[in-house]
Amino acid sequence: MTFKAETIFDRGLVPVGKKTEDMYYQTATYDHWLWIGSYQFLKVNLRGERFANESVPYQFIVNAAAKEPGYLYAMIWDDNYAETLEKVHMLGCARYGFPGYMKDKEAFVADAE
């Protein structure tokens, strides 16, 4: 018996006024990718409605977002986000220090800015 599964990522940052399809590009390495996504900040759908508990495991929020208009959500945070993220337990590619990108808080802030 063979089991198959898919992986869906909720990573990316699209400036206000841009279309998401204009922001997709591929690179040979993970350098300069902005991997902001699975943090516990407020998430709202394209109608401005909160659609899930932001502290759920990663795959839950991605599943919930897949049921929203445009399969997209907006994540809302304040200007203290980098310090806030230092206080939460981040794992994998969402954490500061992940090899190849997110090397430290300063690199994260520079990418987000």
PDB file of N, CA and C in Angstrom:
ATOM      1  N   MET A   1       0.842  -1.167   0.000  1.00  0.00           N
ATOM      2  CA  MET A   1       0.000   0.000   0.000  1.00  0.00           C
ATOM      3  C   MET A   1       0.890   1.234   0.000  1.00  0.00           C
ATOM      4  N   THR A   2       0.575   2.199  -0.839  1.00  0.00           N
ATOM      5  CA  THR A   2       1.328   3.440  -0.933  1.00  0.00           C
ATOM      6  C   THR A   2       0.456   4.599  -0.483  1.00  0.00           C
ATOM      7  N   PHE A   3       1.023   5.441   0.356  1.00  0.00           N
ATOM      8  CA  PHE A   3       0.325   6.634   0.798  1.00  0.00           C
ATOM      9  C   PHE A   3       1.005   7.844   0.193  1.00  0.00           C
ATOM     10  N   LYS A   4       0.225   8.802  -0.196  1.00  0.00           N
ATOM     11  CA  LYS A   4       0.766  10.044  -0.741  1.00  0.00           C
ATOM     12  C   LYS A   4       0.205  11.210   0.046  1.00  0.00           C
ATOM     13  N   ALA A   5       1.004  12.249   0.139  1.00  0.00           N
ATOM     14  CA  ALA A   5       0.567  13.464   0.822  1.00  0.00           C
ATOM     15  C   ALA A   5       1.154  14.656   0.098  1.00  0.00           C
ATOM     16  N   GLU A   6       0.536  15.772   0.270  1.00  0.00           N
ATOM     17  CA  GLU A   6       1.058  16.979  -0.342  1.00  0.00           C
ATOM     18  C   GLU A   6       1.521  17.931   0.749  1.00  0.00           C
ATOM     19  N   THR A   7       2.371  18.848   0.365  1.00  0.00           N
ATOM     20  CA  THR A   7       2.830  19.881   1.273  1.00  0.00           C
ATOM     21  C   THR A   7       2.442  21.221   0.681  1.00  0.00           C
ATOM     22  N   ILE A   8       1.799  22.043   1.470  1.00  0.00           N
ATOM     23  CA  ILE A   8       1.406  23.376   1.035  1.00  0.00           C
ATOM     24  C   ILE A   8       2.058  24.365   1.982  1.00  0.00           C
ATOM     25  N   PHE A   9       2.694  25.376   1.430  1.00  0.00           N
ATOM     26  CA  PHE A   9       3.351  26.387   2.243  1.00  0.00           C
ATOM     27  C   PHE A   9       2.556  27.679   2.226  1.00  0.00           C
ATOM     28  N   ASP A  10       2.599  28.386   3.327  1.00  0.00           N
ATOM     29  CA  ASP A  10       1.952  29.704   3.398  1.00  0.00           C
ATOM     30  C   ASP A  10       3.030  30.764   3.584  1.00  0.00           C
ATOM     31  N   ARG A  11       3.916  30.831   2.630  1.00  0.00           N
ATOM     32  CA  ARG A  11       5.040  31.752   2.749  1.00  0.00           C
ATOM     33  C   ARG A  11       4.988  32.807   1.661  1.00  0.00           C
ATOM     34  N   GLY A  12       5.275  34.022   2.032  1.00  0.00           N
ATOM     35  CA  GLY A  12       5.372  35.080   1.049  1.00  0.00           C
ATOM     36  C   GLY A  12       4.932  36.408   1.616  1.00  0.00           C
ATOM     37  N   LEU A  13       5.264  37.436   0.914  1.00  0.00           N
ATOM     38  CA  LEU A  13       4.894  38.780   1.325  1.00  0.00           C
ATOM     39  C   LEU A  13       4.592  39.555   0.062  1.00  0.00           C
ATOM     40  N   VAL A  14       3.407  40.112  -0.010  1.00  0.00           N
ATOM     41  CA  VAL A  14       2.991  40.856  -1.185  1.00  0.00           C
ATOM     42  C   VAL A  14       2.671  42.284  -0.751  1.00  0.00           C
ATOM     43  N   PRO A  15       3.363  43.259  -1.319  1.00  0.00           N
ATOM     44  CA  PRO A  15       3.087  44.653  -0.951  1.00  0.00           C
ATOM     45  C   PRO A  15       1.664  45.065  -1.317  1.00  0.00           C
ATOM     46  N   VAL A  16       1.105  45.987  -0.559  1.00  0.00           N
ATOM     47  CA  VAL A  16      -0.218  46.517  -0.846  1.00  0.00           C
ATOM     48  C   VAL A  16      -0.214  47.081  -2.265  1.00  0.00           C
ATOM     49  N   GLY A  17      -1.259  46.748  -3.029  1.00  0.00           N
ATOM     50  CA  GLY A  17      -1.371  47.253  -4.386  1.00  0.00           C
ATOM     51  C   GLY A  17      -0.776  46.343  -5.448  1.00  0.00           C
ATOM     52  N   LYS A  18      -0.098  45.269  -5.036  1.00  0.00           N
ATOM     53  CA  LYS A  18       0.482  44.307  -5.979  1.00  0.00           C
ATOM     54  C   LYS A  18      -0.441  43.108  -6.106  1.00  0.00           C
ATOM     55  N   LYS A  19      -0.374  42.431  -7.231  1.00  0.00           N
ATOM     56  CA  LYS A  19      -1.100  41.178  -7.411  1.00  0.00           C
ATOM     57  C   LYS A  19      -0.180  40.038  -7.006  1.00  0.00           C
ATOM     58  N   THR A  20      -0.736  39.037  -6.354  1.00  0.00           N
ATOM     59  CA  THR A  20       0.100  37.932  -5.889  1.00  0.00           C
ATOM     60  C   THR A  20       0.823  37.255  -7.046  1.00  0.00           C
ATOM     61  N   GLU A  21       0.157  37.121  -8.202  1.00  0.00           N
ATOM     62  CA  GLU A  21       0.818  36.430  -9.317  1.00  0.00           C
ATOM     63  C   GLU A  21       2.034  37.192  -9.837  1.00  0.00           C
ATOM     64  N   ASP A  22       2.133  38.482  -9.554  1.00  0.00           N
ATOM     65  CA  ASP A  22       3.298  39.257  -9.962  1.00  0.00           C
ATOM     66  C   ASP A  22       4.486  39.050  -9.030  1.00  0.00           C
ATOM     67  N   MET A  23       4.266  38.366  -7.926  1.00  0.00           N
ATOM     68  CA  MET A  23       5.317  38.206  -6.916  1.00  0.00           C
ATOM     69  C   MET A  23       6.003  36.851  -6.968  1.00  0.00           C
ATOM     70  N   TYR A  24       5.523  35.925  -7.790  1.00  0.00           N
ATOM     71  CA  TYR A  24       6.110  34.590  -7.839  1.00  0.00           C
ATOM     72  C   TYR A  24       7.353  34.578  -8.710  1.00  0.00           C
ATOM     73  N   TYR A  25       8.414  34.001  -8.197  1.00  0.00           N
ATOM     74  CA  TYR A  25       9.619  33.795  -8.999  1.00  0.00           C
ATOM     75  C   TYR A  25      10.389  32.642  -8.393  1.00  0.00           C
ATOM     76  N   GLN A  26      11.204  31.997  -9.186  1.00  0.00           N
ATOM     77  CA  GLN A  26      12.010  30.872  -8.707  1.00  0.00           C
ATOM     78  C   GLN A  26      13.469  31.286  -8.650  1.00  0.00           C
ATOM     79  N   THR A  27      14.172  30.701  -7.699  1.00  0.00           N
ATOM     80  CA  THR A  27      15.615  30.894  -7.608  1.00  0.00           C
ATOM     81  C   THR A  27      16.273  29.533  -7.483  1.00  0.00           C
ATOM     82  N   ALA A  28      17.558  29.471  -7.807  1.00  0.00           N
ATOM     83  CA  ALA A  28      18.278  28.199  -7.742  1.00  0.00           C
ATOM     84  C   ALA A  28      18.534  27.768  -6.303  1.00  0.00           C
ATOM     85  N   THR A  29      18.603  28.723  -5.385  1.00  0.00           N
ATOM     86  CA  THR A  29      18.825  28.418  -3.963  1.00  0.00           C
ATOM     87  C   THR A  29      17.748  29.130  -3.155  1.00  0.00           C
ATOM     88  N   TYR A  30      17.788  28.949  -1.851  1.00  0.00           N
ATOM     89  CA  TYR A  30      16.823  29.607  -0.977  1.00  0.00           C
ATOM     90  C   TYR A  30      17.256  31.014  -0.581  1.00  0.00           C
ATOM     91  N   ASP A  31      18.363  31.495  -1.104  1.00  0.00           N
ATOM     92  CA  ASP A  31      18.826  32.840  -0.758  1.00  0.00           C
ATOM     93  C   ASP A  31      17.773  33.874  -1.128  1.00  0.00           C
ATOM     94  N   HIS A  32      17.605  34.825  -0.278  1.00  0.00           N
ATOM     95  CA  HIS A  32      16.740  35.978  -0.501  1.00  0.00           C
ATOM     96  C   HIS A  32      15.260  35.645  -0.593  1.00  0.00           C
ATOM     97  N   TRP A  33      14.855  34.508  -0.093  1.00  0.00           N
ATOM     98  CA  TRP A  33      13.429  34.218   0.010  1.00  0.00           C
ATOM     99  C   TRP A  33      12.943  34.760   1.335  1.00  0.00           C
ATOM    100  N   LEU A  34      11.794  35.329   1.352  1.00  0.00           N
ATOM    101  CA  LEU A  34      11.208  35.796   2.607  1.00  0.00           C
ATOM    102  C   LEU A  34      10.235  34.740   3.095  1.00  0.00           C
ATOM    103  N   TRP A  35      10.549  34.116   4.211  1.00  0.00           N
ATOM    104  CA  TRP A  35       9.763  32.978   4.709  1.00  0.00           C
ATOM    105  C   TRP A  35       8.873  33.376   5.870  1.00  0.00           C
ATOM    106  N   ILE A  36       8.257  34.538   5.766  1.00  0.00           N
ATOM    107  CA  ILE A  36       7.324  34.937   6.809  1.00  0.00           C
ATOM    108  C   ILE A  36       6.002  34.210   6.560  1.00  0.00           C
ATOM    109  N   GLY A  37       5.385  33.720   7.576  1.00  0.00           N
ATOM    110  CA  GLY A  37       4.144  33.001   7.346  1.00  0.00           C
ATOM    111  C   GLY A  37       3.509  32.432   8.592  1.00  0.00           C
ATOM    112  N   SER A  38       4.095  31.427   9.168  1.00  0.00           N
ATOM    113  CA  SER A  38       3.431  30.656  10.219  1.00  0.00           C
ATOM    114  C   SER A  38       3.639  31.222  11.612  1.00  0.00           C
ATOM    115  N   TYR A  39       3.464  32.507  11.746  1.00  0.00           N
ATOM    116  CA  TYR A  39       3.600  33.107  13.066  1.00  0.00           C
ATOM    117  C   TYR A  39       2.220  33.340  13.656  1.00  0.00           C
ATOM    118  N   GLN A  40       2.176  33.573  14.950  1.00  0.00           N
ATOM    119  CA  GLN A  40       0.905  33.674  15.662  1.00  0.00           C
ATOM    120  C   GLN A  40       0.275  35.057  15.558  1.00  0.00           C
ATOM    121  N   PHE A  41       0.583  35.807  14.525  1.00  0.00           N
ATOM    122  CA  PHE A  41      -0.034  37.107  14.335  1.00  0.00           C
ATOM    123  C   PHE A  41      -1.439  36.944  13.762  1.00  0.00           C
ATOM    124  N   LEU A  42      -2.260  37.972  13.923  1.00  0.00           N
ATOM    125  CA  LEU A  42      -3.632  37.956  13.428  1.00  0.00           C
ATOM    126  C   LEU A  42      -3.662  37.648  11.936  1.00  0.00           C
ATOM    127  N   LYS A  43      -4.522  36.709  11.544  1.00  0.00           N
ATOM    128  CA  LYS A  43      -4.692  36.351  10.137  1.00  0.00           C
ATOM    129  C   LYS A  43      -6.151  36.580   9.764  1.00  0.00           C
ATOM    130  N   VAL A  44      -6.363  37.285   8.657  1.00  0.00           N
ATOM    131  CA  VAL A  44      -7.710  37.555   8.170  1.00  0.00           C
ATOM    132  C   VAL A  44      -7.794  37.186   6.695  1.00  0.00           C
ATOM    133  N   ASN A  45      -8.994  36.813   6.251  1.00  0.00           N
ATOM    134  CA  ASN A  45      -9.187  36.496   4.840  1.00  0.00           C
ATOM    135  C   ASN A  45      -9.299  37.798   4.044  1.00  0.00           C
ATOM    136  N   LEU A  46      -9.555  37.697   2.755  1.00  0.00           N
ATOM    137  CA  LEU A  46      -9.616  38.885   1.903  1.00  0.00           C
ATOM    138  C   LEU A  46     -10.834  39.765   2.178  1.00  0.00           C
ATOM    139  N   ARG A  47     -11.768  39.281   3.010  1.00  0.00           N
ATOM    140  CA  ARG A  47     -12.905  40.099   3.450  1.00  0.00           C
ATOM    141  C   ARG A  47     -12.612  40.768   4.795  1.00  0.00           C
ATOM    142  N   GLY A  48     -11.406  40.551   5.321  1.00  0.00           N
ATOM    143  CA  GLY A  48     -11.034  41.145   6.603  1.00  0.00           C
ATOM    144  C   GLY A  48     -11.550  40.384   7.801  1.00  0.00           C
ATOM    145  N   GLU A  49     -11.951  39.125   7.605  1.00  0.00           N
ATOM    146  CA  GLU A  49     -12.513  38.307   8.681  1.00  0.00           C
ATOM    147  C   GLU A  49     -11.475  37.321   9.207  1.00  0.00           C
ATOM    148  N   ARG A  50     -11.387  37.216  10.519  1.00  0.00           N
ATOM    149  CA  ARG A  50     -10.525  36.196  11.120  1.00  0.00           C
ATOM    150  C   ARG A  50     -11.138  34.829  10.811  1.00  0.00           C
ATOM    151  N   PHE A  51     -10.341  33.886  10.348  1.00  0.00           N
ATOM    152  CA  PHE A  51     -10.890  32.607   9.893  1.00  0.00           C
ATOM    153  C   PHE A  51     -10.355  31.396  10.631  1.00  0.00           C
ATOM    154  N   ALA A  52      -9.422  31.559  11.551  1.00  0.00           N
ATOM    155  CA  ALA A  52      -8.860  30.418  12.275  1.00  0.00           C
ATOM    156  C   ALA A  52      -8.148  30.906  13.528  1.00  0.00           C
ATOM    157  N   ASN A  53      -7.860  29.966  14.414  1.00  0.00           N
ATOM    158  CA  ASN A  53      -7.046  30.242  15.589  1.00  0.00           C
ATOM    159  C   ASN A  53      -5.591  30.280  15.136  1.00  0.00           C
ATOM    160  N   GLU A  54      -4.923  31.390  15.315  1.00  0.00           N
ATOM    161  CA  GLU A  54      -3.557  31.555  14.812  1.00  0.00           C
ATOM    162  C   GLU A  54      -2.517  30.702  15.524  1.00  0.00           C
ATOM    163  N   SER A  55      -2.848  30.116  16.644  1.00  0.00           N
ATOM    164  CA  SER A  55      -1.862  29.315  17.370  1.00  0.00           C
ATOM    165  C   SER A  55      -1.969  27.819  17.068  1.00  0.00           C
ATOM    166  N   VAL A  56      -2.769  27.468  16.066  1.00  0.00           N
ATOM    167  CA  VAL A  56      -2.897  26.056  15.698  1.00  0.00           C
ATOM    168  C   VAL A  56      -1.632  25.589  14.980  1.00  0.00           C
ATOM    169  N   PRO A  57      -1.412  24.282  14.885  1.00  0.00           N
ATOM    170  CA  PRO A  57      -0.256  23.784  14.141  1.00  0.00           C
ATOM    171  C   PRO A  57      -0.274  24.255  12.683  1.00  0.00           C
ATOM    172  N   TYR A  58       0.889  24.310  12.101  1.00  0.00           N
ATOM    173  CA  TYR A  58       1.096  24.837  10.754  1.00  0.00           C
ATOM    174  C   TYR A  58       0.099  24.308   9.739  1.00  0.00           C
ATOM    175  N   GLN A  59      -0.068  22.993   9.663  1.00  0.00           N
ATOM    176  CA  GLN A  59      -0.922  22.426   8.617  1.00  0.00           C
ATOM    177  C   GLN A  59      -2.392  22.828   8.791  1.00  0.00           C
ATOM    178  N   PHE A  60      -2.815  23.175   9.996  1.00  0.00           N
ATOM    179  CA  PHE A  60      -4.198  23.576  10.223  1.00  0.00           C
ATOM    180  C   PHE A  60      -4.486  24.929   9.581  1.00  0.00           C
ATOM    181  N   ILE A  61      -3.590  25.895   9.774  1.00  0.00           N
ATOM    182  CA  ILE A  61      -3.831  27.234   9.236  1.00  0.00           C
ATOM    183  C   ILE A  61      -3.779  27.215   7.713  1.00  0.00           C
ATOM    184  N   VAL A  62      -2.901  26.401   7.132  1.00  0.00           N
ATOM    185  CA  VAL A  62      -2.814  26.292   5.678  1.00  0.00           C
ATOM    186  C   VAL A  62      -4.103  25.666   5.136  1.00  0.00           C
ATOM    187  N   ASN A  63      -4.608  24.648   5.817  1.00  0.00           N
ATOM    188  CA  ASN A  63      -5.864  24.023   5.408  1.00  0.00           C
ATOM    189  C   ASN A  63      -7.014  25.022   5.496  1.00  0.00           C
ATOM    190  N   ALA A  64      -7.066  25.775   6.568  1.00  0.00           N
ATOM    191  CA  ALA A  64      -8.129  26.773   6.718  1.00  0.00           C
ATOM    192  C   ALA A  64      -8.026  27.840   5.632  1.00  0.00           C
ATOM    193  N   ALA A  65      -6.822  28.296   5.326  1.00  0.00           N
ATOM    194  CA  ALA A  65      -6.630  29.322   4.293  1.00  0.00           C
ATOM    195  C   ALA A  65      -7.048  28.816   2.920  1.00  0.00           C
ATOM    196  N   ALA A  66      -6.884  27.527   2.677  1.00  0.00           N
ATOM    197  CA  ALA A  66      -7.251  26.951   1.381  1.00  0.00           C
ATOM    198  C   ALA A  66      -8.756  27.005   1.140  1.00  0.00           C
ATOM    199  N   LYS A  67      -9.514  27.255   2.177  1.00  0.00           N
ATOM    200  CA  LYS A  67     -10.969  27.336   2.051  1.00  0.00           C
ATOM    201  C   LYS A  67     -11.463  28.781   1.963  1.00  0.00           C
ATOM    202  N   GLU A  68     -10.534  29.720   1.977  1.00  0.00           N
ATOM    203  CA  GLU A  68     -10.902  31.138   1.960  1.00  0.00           C
ATOM    204  C   GLU A  68     -10.871  31.704   0.537  1.00  0.00           C
ATOM    205  N   PRO A  69     -11.530  32.848   0.323  1.00  0.00           N
ATOM    206  CA  PRO A  69     -11.547  33.459  -1.016  1.00  0.00           C
ATOM    207  C   PRO A  69     -10.129  33.695  -1.539  1.00  0.00           C
ATOM    208  N   GLY A  70      -9.886  33.249  -2.753  1.00  0.00           N
ATOM    209  CA  GLY A  70      -8.576  33.439  -3.367  1.00  0.00           C
ATOM    210  C   GLY A  70      -7.490  32.571  -2.778  1.00  0.00           C
ATOM    211  N   TYR A  71      -7.848  31.720  -1.825  1.00  0.00           N
ATOM    212  CA  TYR A  71      -6.882  30.855  -1.128  1.00  0.00           C
ATOM    213  C   TYR A  71      -5.784  31.675  -0.457  1.00  0.00           C
ATOM    214  N   LEU A  72      -6.110  32.866  -0.039  1.00  0.00           N
ATOM    215  CA  LEU A  72      -5.122  33.786   0.520  1.00  0.00           C
ATOM    216  C   LEU A  72      -5.584  34.318   1.867  1.00  0.00           C
ATOM    217  N   TYR A  73      -4.626  34.835   2.621  1.00  0.00           N
ATOM    218  CA  TYR A  73      -4.959  35.568   3.835  1.00  0.00           C
ATOM    219  C   TYR A  73      -3.949  36.674   4.036  1.00  0.00           C
ATOM    220  N   ALA A  74      -4.319  37.625   4.858  1.00  0.00           N
ATOM    221  CA  ALA A  74      -3.407  38.693   5.251  1.00  0.00           C
ATOM    222  C   ALA A  74      -3.025  38.459   6.703  1.00  0.00           C
ATOM    223  N   MET A  75      -1.762  38.652   7.002  1.00  0.00           N
ATOM    224  CA  MET A  75      -1.287  38.531   8.377  1.00  0.00           C
ATOM    225  C   MET A  75      -0.970  39.939   8.860  1.00  0.00           C
ATOM    226  N   ILE A  76      -1.486  40.283  10.012  1.00  0.00           N
ATOM    227  CA  ILE A  76      -1.359  41.645  10.518  1.00  0.00           C
ATOM    228  C   ILE A  76      -0.486  41.648  11.757  1.00  0.00           C
ATOM    229  N   TRP A  77       0.506  42.536  11.758  1.00  0.00           N
ATOM    230  CA  TRP A  77       1.395  42.654  12.918  1.00  0.00           C
ATOM    231  C   TRP A  77       1.787  44.108  13.097  1.00  0.00           C
ATOM    232  N   ASP A  78       2.355  44.417  14.268  1.00  0.00           N
ATOM    233  CA  ASP A  78       2.773  45.788  14.531  1.00  0.00           C
ATOM    234  C   ASP A  78       4.275  45.936  14.319  1.00  0.00           C
ATOM    235  N   ASP A  79       4.787  47.123  14.596  1.00  0.00           N
ATOM    236  CA  ASP A  79       6.203  47.370  14.329  1.00  0.00           C
ATOM    237  C   ASP A  79       7.138  46.709  15.336  1.00  0.00           C
ATOM    238  N   ASN A  80       6.602  45.999  16.301  1.00  0.00           N
ATOM    239  CA  ASN A  80       7.393  45.293  17.310  1.00  0.00           C
ATOM    240  C   ASN A  80       7.537  43.800  16.960  1.00  0.00           C
ATOM    241  N   TYR A  81       7.229  43.420  15.718  1.00  0.00           N
ATOM    242  CA  TYR A  81       7.137  42.006  15.335  1.00  0.00           C
ATOM    243  C   TYR A  81       8.425  41.226  15.548  1.00  0.00           C
ATOM    244  N   ALA A  82       9.570  41.812  15.255  1.00  0.00           N
ATOM    245  CA  ALA A  82      10.828  41.069  15.372  1.00  0.00           C
ATOM    246  C   ALA A  82      11.120  40.710  16.826  1.00  0.00           C
ATOM    247  N   GLU A  83      10.836  41.624  17.744  1.00  0.00           N
ATOM    248  CA  GLU A  83      11.031  41.345  19.163  1.00  0.00           C
ATOM    249  C   GLU A  83      10.005  40.324  19.659  1.00  0.00           C
ATOM    250  N   THR A  84       8.790  40.422  19.152  1.00  0.00           N
ATOM    251  CA  THR A  84       7.754  39.452  19.523  1.00  0.00           C
ATOM    252  C   THR A  84       8.186  38.051  19.119  1.00  0.00           C
ATOM    253  N   LEU A  85       8.718  37.904  17.914  1.00  0.00           N
ATOM    254  CA  LEU A  85       9.123  36.588  17.427  1.00  0.00           C
ATOM    255  C   LEU A  85      10.289  36.005  18.221  1.00  0.00           C
ATOM    256  N   GLU A  86      11.101  36.851  18.829  1.00  0.00           N
ATOM    257  CA  GLU A  86      12.177  36.337  19.684  1.00  0.00           C
ATOM    258  C   GLU A  86      11.617  35.648  20.923  1.00  0.00           C
ATOM    259  N   LYS A  87      10.408  35.989  21.311  1.00  0.00           N
ATOM    260  CA  LYS A  87       9.810  35.466  22.536  1.00  0.00           C
ATOM    261  C   LYS A  87       9.000  34.195  22.321  1.00  0.00           C
ATOM    262  N   VAL A  88       8.728  33.844  21.063  1.00  0.00           N
ATOM    263  CA  VAL A  88       7.944  32.639  20.788  1.00  0.00           C
ATOM    264  C   VAL A  88       8.860  31.515  20.335  1.00  0.00           C
ATOM    265  N   HIS A  89       8.382  30.307  20.476  1.00  0.00           N
ATOM    266  CA  HIS A  89       9.164  29.132  20.107  1.00  0.00           C
ATOM    267  C   HIS A  89       8.970  28.853  18.616  1.00  0.00           C
ATOM    268  N   MET A  90       9.970  29.209  17.816  1.00  0.00           N
ATOM    269  CA  MET A  90       9.882  29.009  16.371  1.00  0.00           C
ATOM    270  C   MET A  90      10.687  27.778  15.980  1.00  0.00           C
ATOM    271  N   LEU A  91      10.169  27.024  15.024  1.00  0.00           N
ATOM    272  CA  LEU A  91      10.825  25.806  14.561  1.00  0.00           C
ATOM    273  C   LEU A  91      11.092  25.870  13.065  1.00  0.00           C
ATOM    274  N   GLY A  92      11.985  25.021  12.591  1.00  0.00           N
ATOM    275  CA  GLY A  92      12.219  24.847  11.158  1.00  0.00           C
ATOM    276  C   GLY A  92      12.542  26.130  10.437  1.00  0.00           C
ATOM    277  N   CYS A  93      12.000  26.265   9.240  1.00  0.00           N
ATOM    278  CA  CYS A  93      12.346  27.402   8.396  1.00  0.00           C
ATOM    279  C   CYS A  93      11.736  28.707   8.882  1.00  0.00           C
ATOM    280  N   ALA A  94      10.889  28.685   9.890  1.00  0.00           N
ATOM    281  CA  ALA A  94      10.299  29.906  10.430  1.00  0.00           C
ATOM    282  C   ALA A  94      11.178  30.544  11.504  1.00  0.00           C
ATOM    283  N   ARG A  95      12.227  29.882  11.914  1.00  0.00           N
ATOM    284  CA  ARG A  95      13.020  30.387  13.043  1.00  0.00           C
ATOM    285  C   ARG A  95      14.220  31.210  12.567  1.00  0.00           C
ATOM    286  N   TYR A  96      14.626  32.138  13.401  1.00  0.00           N
ATOM    287  CA  TYR A  96      15.859  32.869  13.137  1.00  0.00           C
ATOM    288  C   TYR A  96      17.013  31.871  13.163  1.00  0.00           C
ATOM    289  N   GLY A  97      17.936  32.012  12.248  1.00  0.00           N
ATOM    290  CA  GLY A  97      19.106  31.147  12.225  1.00  0.00           C
ATOM    291  C   GLY A  97      18.975  29.972  11.278  1.00  0.00           C
ATOM    292  N   PHE A  98      17.851  29.863  10.556  1.00  0.00           N
ATOM    293  CA  PHE A  98      17.710  28.756   9.613  1.00  0.00           C
ATOM    294  C   PHE A  98      18.715  28.952   8.483  1.00  0.00           C
ATOM    295  N   PRO A  99      19.467  27.924   8.118  1.00  0.00           N
ATOM    296  CA  PRO A  99      20.540  28.077   7.116  1.00  0.00           C
ATOM    297  C   PRO A  99      20.025  28.561   5.757  1.00  0.00           C
ATOM    298  N   GLY A 100      20.750  29.519   5.173  1.00  0.00           N
ATOM    299  CA  GLY A 100      20.441  29.973   3.831  1.00  0.00           C
ATOM    300  C   GLY A 100      19.523  31.178   3.772  1.00  0.00           C
ATOM    301  N   TYR A 101      18.704  31.357   4.768  1.00  0.00           N
ATOM    302  CA  TYR A 101      17.817  32.512   4.858  1.00  0.00           C
ATOM    303  C   TYR A 101      17.407  32.618   6.313  1.00  0.00           C
ATOM    304  N   MET A 102      16.787  33.709   6.683  1.00  0.00           N
ATOM    305  CA  MET A 102      16.399  33.943   8.072  1.00  0.00           C
ATOM    306  C   MET A 102      17.613  33.787   8.989  1.00  0.00           C
ATOM    307  N   LYS A 103      18.778  34.224   8.509  1.00  0.00           N
ATOM    308  CA  LYS A 103      20.002  33.971   9.268  1.00  0.00           C
ATOM    309  C   LYS A 103      20.011  34.620  10.650  1.00  0.00           C
ATOM    310  N   ASP A 104      19.317  35.749  10.799  1.00  0.00           N
ATOM    311  CA  ASP A 104      19.212  36.378  12.109  1.00  0.00           C
ATOM    312  C   ASP A 104      18.066  37.390  12.081  1.00  0.00           C
ATOM    313  N   LYS A 105      17.811  37.986  13.231  1.00  0.00           N
ATOM    314  CA  LYS A 105      16.700  38.937  13.331  1.00  0.00           C
ATOM    315  C   LYS A 105      16.883  40.103  12.370  1.00  0.00           C
ATOM    316  N   GLU A 106      18.095  40.589  12.251  1.00  0.00           N
ATOM    317  CA  GLU A 106      18.357  41.743  11.388  1.00  0.00           C
ATOM    318  C   GLU A 106      18.049  41.423   9.922  1.00  0.00           C
ATOM    319  N   ALA A 107      18.420  40.216   9.460  1.00  0.00           N
ATOM    320  CA  ALA A 107      18.129  39.822   8.082  1.00  0.00           C
ATOM    321  C   ALA A 107      16.621  39.700   7.872  1.00  0.00           C
ATOM    322  N   PHE A 108      15.926  39.187   8.864  1.00  0.00           N
ATOM    323  CA  PHE A 108      14.472  39.069   8.785  1.00  0.00           C
ATOM    324  C   PHE A 108      13.827  40.446   8.671  1.00  0.00           C
ATOM    325  N   VAL A 109      14.248  41.378   9.522  1.00  0.00           N
ATOM    326  CA  VAL A 109      13.690  42.737   9.498  1.00  0.00           C
ATOM    327  C   VAL A 109      13.979  43.393   8.150  1.00  0.00           C
ATOM    328  N   ALA A 110      15.199  43.237   7.640  1.00  0.00           N
ATOM    329  CA  ALA A 110      15.546  43.831   6.349  1.00  0.00           C
ATOM    330  C   ALA A 110      14.663  43.273   5.239  1.00  0.00           C
ATOM    331  N   ASP A 111      14.413  41.972   5.235  1.00  0.00           N
ATOM    332  CA  ASP A 111      13.537  41.373   4.222  1.00  0.00           C
ATOM    333  C   ASP A 111      12.106  41.876   4.352  1.00  0.00           C
ATOM    334  N   ALA A 112      11.606  41.925   5.576  1.00  0.00           N
ATOM    335  CA  ALA A 112      10.227  42.367   5.789  1.00  0.00           C
ATOM    336  C   ALA A 112      10.050  43.840   5.407  1.00  0.00           C
ATOM    337  N   GLU A 113      11.063  44.649   5.690  1.00  0.00           N
ATOM    338  CA  GLU A 113      10.986  46.071   5.335  1.00  0.00           C
ATOM    339  C   GLU A 113      10.996  46.229   3.828  1.00  0.00           C
TER     340      GLU A 113
END
